[in-house]
Amino acid sequence: SRQSMDKLINTFNNDVNYHYYIIYPPDFL
């Protein structure tokens, strides 16, 4: 759901994405 996915994306931006920084967060959001 949107609520759960928002939590996942928050984890992505604050942790997972930092591993290799494949995504530029402002564009993705």
PDB file of all heavy atoms in Angstrom:
ATOM      1  N   SER A   1       0.830  -1.194   0.000  1.00  0.00           N
ATOM      2  CA  SER A   1       0.000   0.000   0.000  1.00  0.00           C
ATOM      3  C   SER A   1       0.870   1.252   0.000  1.00  0.00           C
ATOM      4  O   SER A   1       2.077   1.190   0.226  1.00  0.00           O
ATOM      5  CB  SER A   1      -0.893   0.007   1.248  1.00  0.00           C
ATOM      6  OG  SER A   1      -0.080   0.130   2.413  1.00  0.00           O
ATOM      7  N   ARG A   2       0.231   2.391  -0.245  1.00  0.00           N
ATOM      8  CA  ARG A   2       0.983   3.655  -0.289  1.00  0.00           C
ATOM      9  C   ARG A   2       1.706   3.899   1.033  1.00  0.00           C
ATOM     10  O   ARG A   2       2.869   4.327   1.054  1.00  0.00           O
ATOM     11  CB  ARG A   2       0.023   4.821  -0.590  1.00  0.00           C
ATOM     12  CG  ARG A   2       0.687   6.214  -0.557  1.00  0.00           C
ATOM     13  CD  ARG A   2       1.659   6.385  -1.705  1.00  0.00           C
ATOM     14  NE  ARG A   2       2.440   7.590  -1.626  1.00  0.00           N
ATOM     15  CZ  ARG A   2       2.128   8.734  -2.239  1.00  0.00           C
ATOM     16  NH1 ARG A   2       1.011   8.838  -2.941  1.00  0.00           N
ATOM     17  NH2 ARG A   2       2.928   9.776  -2.156  1.00  0.00           N
ATOM     18  N   GLN A   3       1.040   3.630   2.144  1.00  0.00           N
ATOM     19  CA  GLN A   3       1.653   3.880   3.449  1.00  0.00           C
ATOM     20  C   GLN A   3       2.904   3.021   3.646  1.00  0.00           C
ATOM     21  O   GLN A   3       3.950   3.520   4.070  1.00  0.00           O
ATOM     22  CB  GLN A   3       0.650   3.608   4.567  1.00  0.00           C
ATOM     23  CG  GLN A   3       1.189   3.924   5.964  1.00  0.00           C
ATOM     24  CD  GLN A   3       0.151   3.679   7.056  1.00  0.00           C
ATOM     25  OE1 GLN A   3      -0.901   3.114   6.809  1.00  0.00           O
ATOM     26  NE2 GLN A   3       0.455   4.123   8.261  1.00  0.00           N
ATOM     27  N   SER A   4       2.796   1.743   3.334  1.00  0.00           N
ATOM     28  CA  SER A   4       3.950   0.850   3.499  1.00  0.00           C
ATOM     29  C   SER A   4       5.040   1.175   2.487  1.00  0.00           C
ATOM     30  O   SER A   4       6.238   1.141   2.814  1.00  0.00           O
ATOM     31  CB  SER A   4       3.514  -0.606   3.343  1.00  0.00           C
ATOM     32  OG  SER A   4       2.617  -0.985   4.363  1.00  0.00           O
ATOM     33  N   MET A   5       4.631   1.514   1.255  1.00  0.00           N
ATOM     34  CA  MET A   5       5.646   1.828   0.258  1.00  0.00           C
ATOM     35  C   MET A   5       6.388   3.106   0.610  1.00  0.00           C
ATOM     36  O   MET A   5       7.595   3.220   0.380  1.00  0.00           O
ATOM     37  CB  MET A   5       5.040   1.939  -1.139  1.00  0.00           C
ATOM     38  CG  MET A   5       6.111   1.949  -2.230  1.00  0.00           C
ATOM     39  SD  MET A   5       5.501   2.234  -3.902  1.00  0.00           S
ATOM     40  CE  MET A   5       4.559   0.745  -4.173  1.00  0.00           C
ATOM     41  N   ASP A   6       5.676   4.081   1.172  1.00  0.00           N
ATOM     42  CA  ASP A   6       6.356   5.310   1.607  1.00  0.00           C
ATOM     43  C   ASP A   6       7.448   4.993   2.627  1.00  0.00           C
ATOM     44  O   ASP A   6       8.523   5.594   2.614  1.00  0.00           O
ATOM     45  CB  ASP A   6       5.353   6.286   2.219  1.00  0.00           C
ATOM     46  CG  ASP A   6       4.522   7.013   1.168  1.00  0.00           C
ATOM     47  OD1 ASP A   6       4.842   6.887  -0.029  1.00  0.00           O
ATOM     48  OD2 ASP A   6       3.560   7.697   1.548  1.00  0.00           O
ATOM     49  N   LYS A   7       7.169   4.040   3.512  1.00  0.00           N
ATOM     50  CA  LYS A   7       8.183   3.638   4.497  1.00  0.00           C
ATOM     51  C   LYS A   7       9.384   2.994   3.803  1.00  0.00           C
ATOM     52  O   LYS A   7      10.538   3.241   4.159  1.00  0.00           O
ATOM     53  CB  LYS A   7       7.578   2.666   5.515  1.00  0.00           C
ATOM     54  CG  LYS A   7       6.525   3.274   6.427  1.00  0.00           C
ATOM     55  CD  LYS A   7       5.959   2.216   7.376  1.00  0.00           C
ATOM     56  CE  LYS A   7       4.871   2.787   8.254  1.00  0.00           C
ATOM     57  NZ  LYS A   7       4.283   1.745   9.144  1.00  0.00           N
ATOM     58  N   LEU A   8       9.101   2.141   2.810  1.00  0.00           N
ATOM     59  CA  LEU A   8      10.185   1.502   2.070  1.00  0.00           C
ATOM     60  C   LEU A   8      11.036   2.539   1.347  1.00  0.00           C
ATOM     61  O   LEU A   8      12.277   2.474   1.358  1.00  0.00           O
ATOM     62  CB  LEU A   8       9.626   0.492   1.066  1.00  0.00           C
ATOM     63  CG  LEU A   8       9.094  -0.829   1.610  1.00  0.00           C
ATOM     64  CD1 LEU A   8       8.520  -1.673   0.481  1.00  0.00           C
ATOM     65  CD2 LEU A   8      10.187  -1.618   2.338  1.00  0.00           C
ATOM     66  N   ILE A   9      10.370   3.492   0.701  1.00  0.00           N
ATOM     67  CA  ILE A   9      11.108   4.505  -0.049  1.00  0.00           C
ATOM     68  C   ILE A   9      11.910   5.397   0.896  1.00  0.00           C
ATOM     69  O   ILE A   9      13.017   5.837   0.563  1.00  0.00           O
ATOM     70  CB  ILE A   9      10.144   5.339  -0.915  1.00  0.00           C
ATOM     71  CG1 ILE A   9       9.474   4.440  -1.967  1.00  0.00           C
ATOM     72  CG2 ILE A   9      10.879   6.481  -1.594  1.00  0.00           C
ATOM     73  CD1 ILE A   9      10.438   3.670  -2.838  1.00  0.00           C
ATOM     74  N   ASN A  10      11.376   5.648   2.087  1.00  0.00           N
ATOM     75  CA  ASN A  10      12.136   6.404   3.083  1.00  0.00           C
ATOM     76  C   ASN A  10      13.400   5.649   3.486  1.00  0.00           C
ATOM     77  O   ASN A  10      14.483   6.232   3.608  1.00  0.00           O
ATOM     78  CB  ASN A  10      11.261   6.675   4.310  1.00  0.00           C
ATOM     79  CG  ASN A  10      11.944   7.580   5.314  1.00  0.00           C
ATOM     80  OD1 ASN A  10      12.330   8.697   4.996  1.00  0.00           O
ATOM     81  ND2 ASN A  10      12.105   7.097   6.539  1.00  0.00           N
ATOM     82  N   THR A  11      13.260   4.320   3.673  1.00  0.00           N
ATOM     83  CA  THR A  11      14.433   3.488   3.967  1.00  0.00           C
ATOM     84  C   THR A  11      15.407   3.508   2.804  1.00  0.00           C
ATOM     85  O   THR A  11      16.629   3.569   2.984  1.00  0.00           O
ATOM     86  CB  THR A  11      13.994   2.041   4.254  1.00  0.00           C
ATOM     87  OG1 THR A  11      13.129   2.021   5.395  1.00  0.00           O
ATOM     88  CG2 THR A  11      15.193   1.144   4.517  1.00  0.00           C
ATOM     89  N   PHE A  12      14.858   3.477   1.610  1.00  0.00           N
ATOM     90  CA  PHE A  12      15.710   3.513   0.416  1.00  0.00           C
ATOM     91  C   PHE A  12      16.530   4.795   0.377  1.00  0.00           C
ATOM     92  O   PHE A  12      17.754   4.764   0.171  1.00  0.00           O
ATOM     93  CB  PHE A  12      14.836   3.397  -0.832  1.00  0.00           C
ATOM     94  CG  PHE A  12      15.602   3.530  -2.121  1.00  0.00           C
ATOM     95  CD1 PHE A  12      16.389   2.489  -2.588  1.00  0.00           C
ATOM     96  CD2 PHE A  12      15.539   4.707  -2.864  1.00  0.00           C
ATOM     97  CE1 PHE A  12      17.108   2.615  -3.773  1.00  0.00           C
ATOM     98  CE2 PHE A  12      16.250   4.838  -4.050  1.00  0.00           C
ATOM     99  CZ  PHE A  12      17.033   3.788  -4.503  1.00  0.00           C
ATOM    100  N   ASN A  13      15.874   5.925   0.581  1.00  0.00           N
ATOM    101  CA  ASN A  13      16.583   7.205   0.486  1.00  0.00           C
ATOM    102  C   ASN A  13      17.589   7.405   1.608  1.00  0.00           C
ATOM    103  O   ASN A  13      18.607   8.070   1.412  1.00  0.00           O
ATOM    104  CB  ASN A  13      15.572   8.355   0.502  1.00  0.00           C
ATOM    105  CG  ASN A  13      14.857   8.514  -0.815  1.00  0.00           C
ATOM    106  OD1 ASN A  13      15.409   8.232  -1.867  1.00  0.00           O
ATOM    107  ND2 ASN A  13      13.611   8.952  -0.771  1.00  0.00           N
ATOM    108  N   ASN A  14      17.319   6.841   2.778  1.00  0.00           N
ATOM    109  CA  ASN A  14      18.177   7.072   3.936  1.00  0.00           C
ATOM    110  C   ASN A  14      19.197   5.969   4.196  1.00  0.00           C
ATOM    111  O   ASN A  14      20.033   6.109   5.095  1.00  0.00           O
ATOM    112  CB  ASN A  14      17.319   7.260   5.193  1.00  0.00           C
ATOM    113  CG  ASN A  14      16.487   8.527   5.137  1.00  0.00           C
ATOM    114  OD1 ASN A  14      16.962   9.562   4.680  1.00  0.00           O
ATOM    115  ND2 ASN A  14      15.241   8.452   5.581  1.00  0.00           N
ATOM    116  N   ASP A  15      19.118   4.878   3.426  1.00  0.00           N
ATOM    117  CA  ASP A  15      20.040   3.772   3.676  1.00  0.00           C
ATOM    118  C   ASP A  15      20.440   3.052   2.393  1.00  0.00           C
ATOM    119  O   ASP A  15      21.568   3.179   1.916  1.00  0.00           O
ATOM    120  CB  ASP A  15      19.411   2.779   4.657  1.00  0.00           C
ATOM    121  CG  ASP A  15      20.334   1.617   4.995  1.00  0.00           C
ATOM    122  OD1 ASP A  15      21.541   1.722   4.713  1.00  0.00           O
ATOM    123  OD2 ASP A  15      19.853   0.610   5.544  1.00  0.00           O
ATOM    124  N   VAL A  16      19.495   2.327   1.815  1.00  0.00           N
ATOM    125  CA  VAL A  16      19.814   1.437   0.692  1.00  0.00           C
ATOM    126  C   VAL A  16      20.463   2.184  -0.470  1.00  0.00           C
ATOM    127  O   VAL A  16      21.458   1.730  -1.042  1.00  0.00           O
ATOM    128  CB  VAL A  16      18.544   0.694   0.220  1.00  0.00           C
ATOM    129  CG1 VAL A  16      18.835  -0.151  -1.017  1.00  0.00           C
ATOM    130  CG2 VAL A  16      17.998  -0.182   1.342  1.00  0.00           C
ATOM    131  N   ASN A  17      19.929   3.334  -0.814  1.00  0.00           N
ATOM    132  CA  ASN A  17      20.455   4.068  -1.976  1.00  0.00           C
ATOM    133  C   ASN A  17      21.884   4.541  -1.767  1.00  0.00           C
ATOM    134  O   ASN A  17      22.631   4.731  -2.729  1.00  0.00           O
ATOM    135  CB  ASN A  17      19.554   5.267  -2.298  1.00  0.00           C
ATOM    136  CG  ASN A  17      19.884   5.900  -3.633  1.00  0.00           C
ATOM    137  OD1 ASN A  17      20.186   5.217  -4.608  1.00  0.00           O
ATOM    138  ND2 ASN A  17      19.832   7.221  -3.696  1.00  0.00           N
ATOM    139  N   TYR A  18      22.283   4.753  -0.506  1.00  0.00           N
ATOM    140  CA  TYR A  18      23.632   5.221  -0.235  1.00  0.00           C
ATOM    141  C   TYR A  18      24.710   4.184  -0.543  1.00  0.00           C
ATOM    142  O   TYR A  18      25.888   4.532  -0.646  1.00  0.00           O
ATOM    143  CB  TYR A  18      23.763   5.651   1.238  1.00  0.00           C
ATOM    144  CG  TYR A  18      23.064   6.943   1.560  1.00  0.00           C
ATOM    145  CD1 TYR A  18      22.470   7.145   2.801  1.00  0.00           C
ATOM    146  CD2 TYR A  18      23.005   7.981   0.641  1.00  0.00           C
ATOM    147  CE1 TYR A  18      21.825   8.329   3.108  1.00  0.00           C
ATOM    148  CE2 TYR A  18      22.360   9.171   0.942  1.00  0.00           C
ATOM    149  CZ  TYR A  18      21.778   9.336   2.171  1.00  0.00           C
ATOM    150  OH  TYR A  18      21.141  10.522   2.480  1.00  0.00           O
ATOM    151  N   HIS A  19      24.318   2.926  -0.675  1.00  0.00           N
ATOM    152  CA  HIS A  19      25.324   1.898  -0.927  1.00  0.00           C
ATOM    153  C   HIS A  19      26.094   2.189  -2.215  1.00  0.00           C
ATOM    154  O   HIS A  19      27.320   2.114  -2.249  1.00  0.00           O
ATOM    155  CB  HIS A  19      24.671   0.517  -1.007  1.00  0.00           C
ATOM    156  CG  HIS A  19      24.050   0.099   0.286  1.00  0.00           C
ATOM    157  ND1 HIS A  19      23.277  -1.033   0.408  1.00  0.00           N
ATOM    158  CD2 HIS A  19      24.084   0.644   1.530  1.00  0.00           C
ATOM    159  CE1 HIS A  19      22.858  -1.154   1.655  1.00  0.00           C
ATOM    160  NE2 HIS A  19      23.341  -0.155   2.353  1.00  0.00           N
ATOM    161  N   TYR A  20      25.367   2.509  -3.279  1.00  0.00           N
ATOM    162  CA  TYR A  20      26.022   2.811  -4.561  1.00  0.00           C
ATOM    163  C   TYR A  20      25.505   4.099  -5.196  1.00  0.00           C
ATOM    164  O   TYR A  20      26.042   4.539  -6.197  1.00  0.00           O
ATOM    165  CB  TYR A  20      25.841   1.636  -5.530  1.00  0.00           C
ATOM    166  CG  TYR A  20      26.395   0.350  -4.978  1.00  0.00           C
ATOM    167  CD1 TYR A  20      25.546  -0.663  -4.533  1.00  0.00           C
ATOM    168  CD2 TYR A  20      27.767   0.145  -4.869  1.00  0.00           C
ATOM    169  CE1 TYR A  20      26.044  -1.842  -4.008  1.00  0.00           C
ATOM    170  CE2 TYR A  20      28.279  -1.031  -4.338  1.00  0.00           C
ATOM    171  CZ  TYR A  20      27.411  -2.019  -3.916  1.00  0.00           C
ATOM    172  OH  TYR A  20      27.914  -3.180  -3.385  1.00  0.00           O
ATOM    173  N   TYR A  21      24.449   4.671  -4.664  1.00  0.00           N
ATOM    174  CA  TYR A  21      23.887   5.946  -5.119  1.00  0.00           C
ATOM    175  C   TYR A  21      23.547   5.903  -6.606  1.00  0.00           C
ATOM    176  O   TYR A  21      23.891   6.800  -7.371  1.00  0.00           O
ATOM    177  CB  TYR A  21      24.850   7.087  -4.812  1.00  0.00           C
ATOM    178  CG  TYR A  21      24.143   8.396  -4.510  1.00  0.00           C
ATOM    179  CD1 TYR A  21      23.224   8.487  -3.470  1.00  0.00           C
ATOM    180  CD2 TYR A  21      24.394   9.534  -5.254  1.00  0.00           C
ATOM    181  CE1 TYR A  21      22.574   9.678  -3.188  1.00  0.00           C
ATOM    182  CE2 TYR A  21      23.754  10.733  -4.996  1.00  0.00           C
ATOM    183  CZ  TYR A  21      22.848  10.796  -3.955  1.00  0.00           C
ATOM    184  OH  TYR A  21      22.205  11.986  -3.671  1.00  0.00           O
ATOM    185  N   ILE A  22      22.829   4.863  -6.983  1.00  0.00           N
ATOM    186  CA  ILE A  22      22.384   4.707  -8.366  1.00  0.00           C
ATOM    187  C   ILE A  22      21.326   5.749  -8.710  1.00  0.00           C
ATOM    188  O   ILE A  22      21.226   6.205  -9.847  1.00  0.00           O
ATOM    189  CB  ILE A  22      21.837   3.279  -8.578  1.00  0.00           C
ATOM    190  CG1 ILE A  22      22.946   2.244  -8.316  1.00  0.00           C
ATOM    191  CG2 ILE A  22      21.259   3.103  -9.972  1.00  0.00           C
ATOM    192  CD1 ILE A  22      22.421   0.816  -8.205  1.00  0.00           C
ATOM    193  N   ILE A  23      20.517   6.131  -7.721  1.00  0.00           N
ATOM    194  CA  ILE A  23      19.393   7.046  -7.918  1.00  0.00           C
ATOM    195  C   ILE A  23      19.710   8.419  -7.334  1.00  0.00           C
ATOM    196  O   ILE A  23      20.225   8.522  -6.219  1.00  0.00           O
ATOM    197  CB  ILE A  23      18.126   6.483  -7.234  1.00  0.00           C
ATOM    198  CG1 ILE A  23      17.694   5.167  -7.901  1.00  0.00           C
ATOM    199  CG2 ILE A  23      16.995   7.501  -7.253  1.00  0.00           C
ATOM    200  CD1 ILE A  23      17.197   5.304  -9.310  1.00  0.00           C
ATOM    201  N   TYR A  24      19.384   9.470  -8.084  1.00  0.00           N
ATOM    202  CA  TYR A  24      19.463  10.827  -7.553  1.00  0.00           C
ATOM    203  C   TYR A  24      18.106  11.141  -6.925  1.00  0.00           C
ATOM    204  O   TYR A  24      17.098  11.275  -7.633  1.00  0.00           O
ATOM    205  CB  TYR A  24      19.795  11.816  -8.669  1.00  0.00           C
ATOM    206  CG  TYR A  24      19.907  13.243  -8.212  1.00  0.00           C
ATOM    207  CD1 TYR A  24      20.842  13.607  -7.245  1.00  0.00           C
ATOM    208  CD2 TYR A  24      19.088  14.231  -8.746  1.00  0.00           C
ATOM    209  CE1 TYR A  24      20.953  14.917  -6.815  1.00  0.00           C
ATOM    210  CE2 TYR A  24      19.193  15.549  -8.329  1.00  0.00           C
ATOM    211  CZ  TYR A  24      20.129  15.891  -7.357  1.00  0.00           C
ATOM    212  OH  TYR A  24      20.237  17.178  -6.928  1.00  0.00           O
ATOM    213  N   PRO A  25      18.011  11.228  -5.592  1.00  0.00           N
ATOM    214  CA  PRO A  25      16.712  11.273  -4.906  1.00  0.00           C
ATOM    215  C   PRO A  25      15.729  12.340  -5.373  1.00  0.00           C
ATOM    216  O   PRO A  25      14.543  12.035  -5.540  1.00  0.00           O
ATOM    217  CB  PRO A  25      17.104  11.458  -3.434  1.00  0.00           C
ATOM    218  CG  PRO A  25      18.459  10.850  -3.332  1.00  0.00           C
ATOM    219  CD  PRO A  25      19.133  11.180  -4.627  1.00  0.00           C
ATOM    220  N   PRO A  26      16.140  13.606  -5.591  1.00  0.00           N
ATOM    221  CA  PRO A  26      15.136  14.602  -6.001  1.00  0.00           C
ATOM    222  C   PRO A  26      14.384  14.220  -7.269  1.00  0.00           C
ATOM    223  O   PRO A  26      13.166  14.399  -7.358  1.00  0.00           O
ATOM    224  CB  PRO A  26      15.970  15.881  -6.195  1.00  0.00           C
ATOM    225  CG  PRO A  26      17.133  15.701  -5.284  1.00  0.00           C
ATOM    226  CD  PRO A  26      17.457  14.235  -5.360  1.00  0.00           C
ATOM    227  N   ASP A  27      15.099  13.695  -8.260  1.00  0.00           N
ATOM    228  CA  ASP A  27      14.444  13.278  -9.505  1.00  0.00           C
ATOM    229  C   ASP A  27      13.501  12.109  -9.250  1.00  0.00           C
ATOM    230  O   ASP A  27      12.365  12.080  -9.737  1.00  0.00           O
ATOM    231  CB  ASP A  27      15.490  12.866 -10.542  1.00  0.00           C
ATOM    232  CG  ASP A  27      16.265  14.045 -11.089  1.00  0.00           C
ATOM    233  OD1 ASP A  27      15.923  15.194 -10.744  1.00  0.00           O
ATOM    234  OD2 ASP A  27      17.232  13.823 -11.839  1.00  0.00           O
ATOM    235  N   PHE A  28      13.977  11.138  -8.499  1.00  0.00           N
ATOM    236  CA  PHE A  28      13.180   9.941  -8.252  1.00  0.00           C
ATOM    237  C   PHE A  28      11.900  10.264  -7.479  1.00  0.00           C
ATOM    238  O   PHE A  28      10.815   9.777  -7.816  1.00  0.00           O
ATOM    239  CB  PHE A  28      14.004   8.909  -7.488  1.00  0.00           C
ATOM    240  CG  PHE A  28      13.214   7.703  -7.061  1.00  0.00           C
ATOM    241  CD1 PHE A  28      12.895   6.707  -7.967  1.00  0.00           C
ATOM    242  CD2 PHE A  28      12.771   7.575  -5.748  1.00  0.00           C
ATOM    243  CE1 PHE A  28      12.154   5.601  -7.587  1.00  0.00           C
ATOM    244  CE2 PHE A  28      12.025   6.479  -5.359  1.00  0.00           C
ATOM    245  CZ  PHE A  28      11.716   5.488  -6.279  1.00  0.00           C
ATOM    246  N   LEU A  29      12.000  11.079  -6.450  1.00  0.00           N
ATOM    247  CA  LEU A  29      10.825  11.395  -5.626  1.00  0.00           C
ATOM    248  C   LEU A  29       9.765  12.145  -6.428  1.00  0.00           C
ATOM    249  O   LEU A  29       8.562  11.949  -6.228  1.00  0.00           O
ATOM    250  CB  LEU A  29      11.248  12.206  -4.403  1.00  0.00           C
ATOM    251  CG  LEU A  29      12.041  11.417  -3.351  1.00  0.00           C
ATOM    252  CD1 LEU A  29      12.524  12.343  -2.239  1.00  0.00           C
ATOM    253  CD2 LEU A  29      11.201  10.289  -2.765  1.00  0.00           C
TER     254      LEU A  29
END
